[in-house]
Amino acid sequence: MNEKIVMDALVQMKRTGNLLNELWDLTQQLGQSIDRNDQVSTQMLIAMREDPLGKLQAADLALRDQLEALPDREDAHRLAGMLNGGSPADPAQKPQQMLCELVASNKRRLKQIMELDKLLNQRLAREKSAYQ
């Protein structure tokens, strides 16, 4: 697999990681504002989370477009495997290892965000929670 293909995906995954960290920080701040019963901050933080969520969606779309644009279906299949948590197509290539490690790290961060978001949603919405 061409190193440029992997590097392009790596750039998007780093961007995704930064956005997930921003979203994690905002979600933690949201929890703190809920603890303080600060409705103004809570509303503001909910609105602030929309920006990184939109950018995450754009990064995901860019990765999907990259996969579709690959002329070699075998390369697309290998890259898709790595992006879905698989192992490097060629473990000897450092960029592929870095990509797989970053994918795993991003998945862990996303799981943390989802768990905290579920908890906060249940605290805010109670019986009307989306998670009930």
C-alpha atoms as a PDB file:
ATOM      1  CA  MET A   1       0.000   0.000   0.000  1.00  0.00           C
ATOM      2  CA  ASN A   2       1.227   3.453  -0.946  1.00  0.00           C
ATOM      3  CA  GLU A   3       2.566   5.395   2.060  1.00  0.00           C
ATOM      4  CA  LYS A   4       0.739   8.557   0.933  1.00  0.00           C
ATOM      5  CA  ILE A   5      -2.587   6.751   1.323  1.00  0.00           C
ATOM      6  CA  VAL A   6      -1.730   5.817   4.903  1.00  0.00           C
ATOM      7  CA  MET A   7      -0.378   9.271   5.704  1.00  0.00           C
ATOM      8  CA  ASP A   8      -3.569  10.943   4.433  1.00  0.00           C
ATOM      9  CA  ALA A   9      -5.634   8.654   6.670  1.00  0.00           C
ATOM     10  CA  LEU A  10      -3.247   9.288   9.563  1.00  0.00           C
ATOM     11  CA  VAL A  11      -3.758  13.050   9.228  1.00  0.00           C
ATOM     12  CA  GLN A  12      -7.540  12.612   9.398  1.00  0.00           C
ATOM     13  CA  MET A  13      -7.264  10.291  12.401  1.00  0.00           C
ATOM     14  CA  LYS A  14      -5.019  12.776  14.242  1.00  0.00           C
ATOM     15  CA  ARG A  15      -7.581  15.480  13.506  1.00  0.00           C
ATOM     16  CA  THR A  16     -10.281  13.149  14.788  1.00  0.00           C
ATOM     17  CA  GLY A  17      -8.277  12.506  17.965  1.00  0.00           C
ATOM     18  CA  ASN A  18      -7.893  16.215  18.628  1.00  0.00           C
ATOM     19  CA  LEU A  19     -11.610  16.764  18.100  1.00  0.00           C
ATOM     20  CA  LEU A  20     -12.472  13.852  20.394  1.00  0.00           C
ATOM     21  CA  ASN A  21     -10.237  15.339  23.099  1.00  0.00           C
ATOM     22  CA  GLU A  22     -11.989  18.696  22.674  1.00  0.00           C
ATOM     23  CA  LEU A  23     -15.366  16.981  22.908  1.00  0.00           C
ATOM     24  CA  TRP A  24     -14.229  15.064  26.016  1.00  0.00           C
ATOM     25  CA  ASP A  25     -13.188  18.316  27.681  1.00  0.00           C
ATOM     26  CA  LEU A  26     -16.489  20.005  26.859  1.00  0.00           C
ATOM     27  CA  THR A  27     -18.435  16.979  28.085  1.00  0.00           C
ATOM     28  CA  GLN A  28     -16.553  17.008  31.389  1.00  0.00           C
ATOM     29  CA  GLN A  29     -17.251  20.730  31.745  1.00  0.00           C
ATOM     30  CA  LEU A  30     -20.896  19.994  31.009  1.00  0.00           C
ATOM     31  CA  GLY A  31     -20.951  17.498  33.862  1.00  0.00           C
ATOM     32  CA  GLN A  32     -19.448  20.076  36.197  1.00  0.00           C
ATOM     33  CA  SER A  33     -22.049  22.673  35.197  1.00  0.00           C
ATOM     34  CA  ILE A  34     -24.814  20.134  35.822  1.00  0.00           C
ATOM     35  CA  ASP A  35     -23.307  19.407  39.262  1.00  0.00           C
ATOM     36  CA  ARG A  36     -23.407  23.134  40.046  1.00  0.00           C
ATOM     37  CA  ASN A  37     -26.968  23.343  38.693  1.00  0.00           C
ATOM     38  CA  ASP A  38     -25.748  26.145  36.405  1.00  0.00           C
ATOM     39  CA  GLN A  39     -28.339  26.139  33.648  1.00  0.00           C
ATOM     40  CA  VAL A  40     -26.744  28.952  31.648  1.00  0.00           C
ATOM     41  CA  SER A  41     -23.382  27.183  31.452  1.00  0.00           C
ATOM     42  CA  THR A  42     -25.099  23.889  30.742  1.00  0.00           C
ATOM     43  CA  GLN A  43     -26.943  25.322  27.744  1.00  0.00           C
ATOM     44  CA  MET A  44     -23.815  27.080  26.522  1.00  0.00           C
ATOM     45  CA  LEU A  45     -21.714  23.895  26.748  1.00  0.00           C
ATOM     46  CA  ILE A  46     -24.342  21.837  24.973  1.00  0.00           C
ATOM     47  CA  ALA A  47     -24.244  24.358  22.132  1.00  0.00           C
ATOM     48  CA  MET A  48     -20.427  24.420  22.143  1.00  0.00           C
ATOM     49  CA  ARG A  49     -20.318  20.648  21.620  1.00  0.00           C
ATOM     50  CA  GLU A  50     -21.982  21.067  18.224  1.00  0.00           C
ATOM     51  CA  ASP A  51     -18.808  22.459  16.620  1.00  0.00           C
ATOM     52  CA  PRO A  52     -16.480  19.508  17.300  1.00  0.00           C
ATOM     53  CA  LEU A  53     -19.325  17.091  16.513  1.00  0.00           C
ATOM     54  CA  GLY A  54     -19.768  18.697  13.093  1.00  0.00           C
ATOM     55  CA  LYS A  55     -16.033  18.630  12.457  1.00  0.00           C
ATOM     56  CA  LEU A  56     -15.902  14.959  13.496  1.00  0.00           C
ATOM     57  CA  GLN A  57     -18.604  14.224  10.965  1.00  0.00           C
ATOM     58  CA  ALA A  58     -16.595  16.070   8.294  1.00  0.00           C
ATOM     59  CA  ALA A  59     -13.432  14.104   9.150  1.00  0.00           C
ATOM     60  CA  ASP A  60     -15.370  10.839   8.927  1.00  0.00           C
ATOM     61  CA  LEU A  61     -16.753  11.883   5.541  1.00  0.00           C
ATOM     62  CA  ALA A  62     -13.244  12.770   4.333  1.00  0.00           C
ATOM     63  CA  LEU A  63     -12.018   9.284   5.273  1.00  0.00           C
ATOM     64  CA  ARG A  64     -14.973   7.679   3.492  1.00  0.00           C
ATOM     65  CA  ASP A  65     -14.294   9.806   0.400  1.00  0.00           C
ATOM     66  CA  GLN A  66     -10.630   8.793   0.526  1.00  0.00           C
ATOM     67  CA  LEU A  67     -11.591   5.127   0.597  1.00  0.00           C
ATOM     68  CA  GLU A  68     -13.997   5.522  -2.325  1.00  0.00           C
ATOM     69  CA  ALA A  69     -11.409   7.432  -4.367  1.00  0.00           C
ATOM     70  CA  LEU A  70      -8.768   4.715  -4.114  1.00  0.00           C
ATOM     71  CA  PRO A  71      -8.373   3.105  -7.532  1.00  0.00           C
ATOM     72  CA  ASP A  72      -7.011  -0.150  -6.101  1.00  0.00           C
ATOM     73  CA  ARG A  73      -9.838  -2.002  -4.339  1.00  0.00           C
ATOM     74  CA  GLU A  74      -7.320  -4.123  -2.427  1.00  0.00           C
ATOM     75  CA  ASP A  75      -5.726  -0.972  -0.955  1.00  0.00           C
ATOM     76  CA  ALA A  76      -9.188   0.318  -0.065  1.00  0.00           C
ATOM     77  CA  HIS A  77     -10.014  -2.979   1.642  1.00  0.00           C
ATOM     78  CA  ARG A  78      -6.742  -2.966   3.644  1.00  0.00           C
ATOM     79  CA  LEU A  79      -7.153   0.666   4.680  1.00  0.00           C
ATOM     80  CA  ALA A  80     -10.774   0.094   5.670  1.00  0.00           C
ATOM     81  CA  GLY A  81      -9.655  -2.825   7.814  1.00  0.00           C
ATOM     82  CA  MET A  82      -7.129  -0.670   9.644  1.00  0.00           C
ATOM     83  CA  LEU A  83      -9.655   2.152  10.090  1.00  0.00           C
ATOM     84  CA  ASN A  84     -12.103  -0.329  11.594  1.00  0.00           C
ATOM     85  CA  GLY A  85      -9.634  -1.476  14.240  1.00  0.00           C
ATOM     86  CA  GLY A  86      -7.773  -4.179  12.335  1.00  0.00           C
ATOM     87  CA  SER A  87      -4.061  -4.775  12.363  1.00  0.00           C
ATOM     88  CA  PRO A  88      -1.596  -3.122   9.966  1.00  0.00           C
ATOM     89  CA  ALA A  89      -1.615  -4.535   6.433  1.00  0.00           C
ATOM     90  CA  ASP A  90       2.204  -4.467   6.603  1.00  0.00           C
ATOM     91  CA  PRO A  91       3.379  -4.431  10.254  1.00  0.00           C
ATOM     92  CA  ALA A  92       6.884  -3.420   9.148  1.00  0.00           C
ATOM     93  CA  GLN A  93       5.614  -0.024   7.983  1.00  0.00           C
ATOM     94  CA  LYS A  94       5.687   2.493  10.828  1.00  0.00           C
ATOM     95  CA  PRO A  95       2.890   4.733   9.436  1.00  0.00           C
ATOM     96  CA  GLN A  96       0.512   1.761   9.335  1.00  0.00           C
ATOM     97  CA  GLN A  97       1.361   0.885  12.931  1.00  0.00           C
ATOM     98  CA  MET A  98       0.829   4.506  13.947  1.00  0.00           C
ATOM     99  CA  LEU A  99      -2.524   4.583  12.161  1.00  0.00           C
ATOM    100  CA  CYS A 100      -3.739   1.426  13.909  1.00  0.00           C
ATOM    101  CA  GLU A 101      -2.604   2.712  17.310  1.00  0.00           C
ATOM    102  CA  LEU A 102      -4.357   6.031  16.713  1.00  0.00           C
ATOM    103  CA  VAL A 103      -7.556   4.293  15.622  1.00  0.00           C
ATOM    104  CA  ALA A 104      -7.504   2.247  18.851  1.00  0.00           C
ATOM    105  CA  SER A 105      -6.832   5.347  20.947  1.00  0.00           C
ATOM    106  CA  ASN A 106      -9.667   7.256  19.266  1.00  0.00           C
ATOM    107  CA  LYS A 107     -12.053   4.357  19.850  1.00  0.00           C
ATOM    108  CA  ARG A 108     -11.192   4.333  23.558  1.00  0.00           C
ATOM    109  CA  ARG A 109     -11.756   8.100  23.816  1.00  0.00           C
ATOM    110  CA  LEU A 110     -15.053   7.832  21.941  1.00  0.00           C
ATOM    111  CA  LYS A 111     -16.208   5.113  24.319  1.00  0.00           C
ATOM    112  CA  GLN A 112     -15.380   7.345  27.305  1.00  0.00           C
ATOM    113  CA  ILE A 113     -17.305  10.238  25.766  1.00  0.00           C
ATOM    114  CA  MET A 114     -20.319   8.059  25.027  1.00  0.00           C
ATOM    115  CA  GLU A 115     -20.406   6.666  28.567  1.00  0.00           C
ATOM    116  CA  LEU A 116     -20.189  10.123  30.137  1.00  0.00           C
ATOM    117  CA  ASP A 117     -22.722  11.520  27.682  1.00  0.00           C
ATOM    118  CA  LYS A 118     -25.155   8.734  28.564  1.00  0.00           C
ATOM    119  CA  LEU A 119     -24.760   9.441  32.273  1.00  0.00           C
ATOM    120  CA  LEU A 120     -25.237  13.194  31.809  1.00  0.00           C
ATOM    121  CA  ASN A 121     -28.225  12.705  29.538  1.00  0.00           C
ATOM    122  CA  GLN A 122     -29.890  10.486  32.136  1.00  0.00           C
ATOM    123  CA  ARG A 123     -29.195  13.058  34.855  1.00  0.00           C
ATOM    124  CA  LEU A 124     -30.590  15.933  32.810  1.00  0.00           C
ATOM    125  CA  ALA A 125     -33.563  14.280  31.141  1.00  0.00           C
ATOM    126  CA  ARG A 126     -34.399  11.696  33.814  1.00  0.00           C
ATOM    127  CA  GLU A 127     -37.341   9.631  32.550  1.00  0.00           C
ATOM    128  CA  LYS A 128     -37.229  11.415  29.157  1.00  0.00           C
ATOM    129  CA  SER A 129     -33.605  10.367  28.546  1.00  0.00           C
ATOM    130  CA  ALA A 130     -32.733   9.129  25.088  1.00  0.00           C
ATOM    131  CA  TYR A 131     -31.044   6.191  26.831  1.00  0.00           C
ATOM    132  CA  GLN A 132     -34.130   4.916  28.677  1.00  0.00           C
END
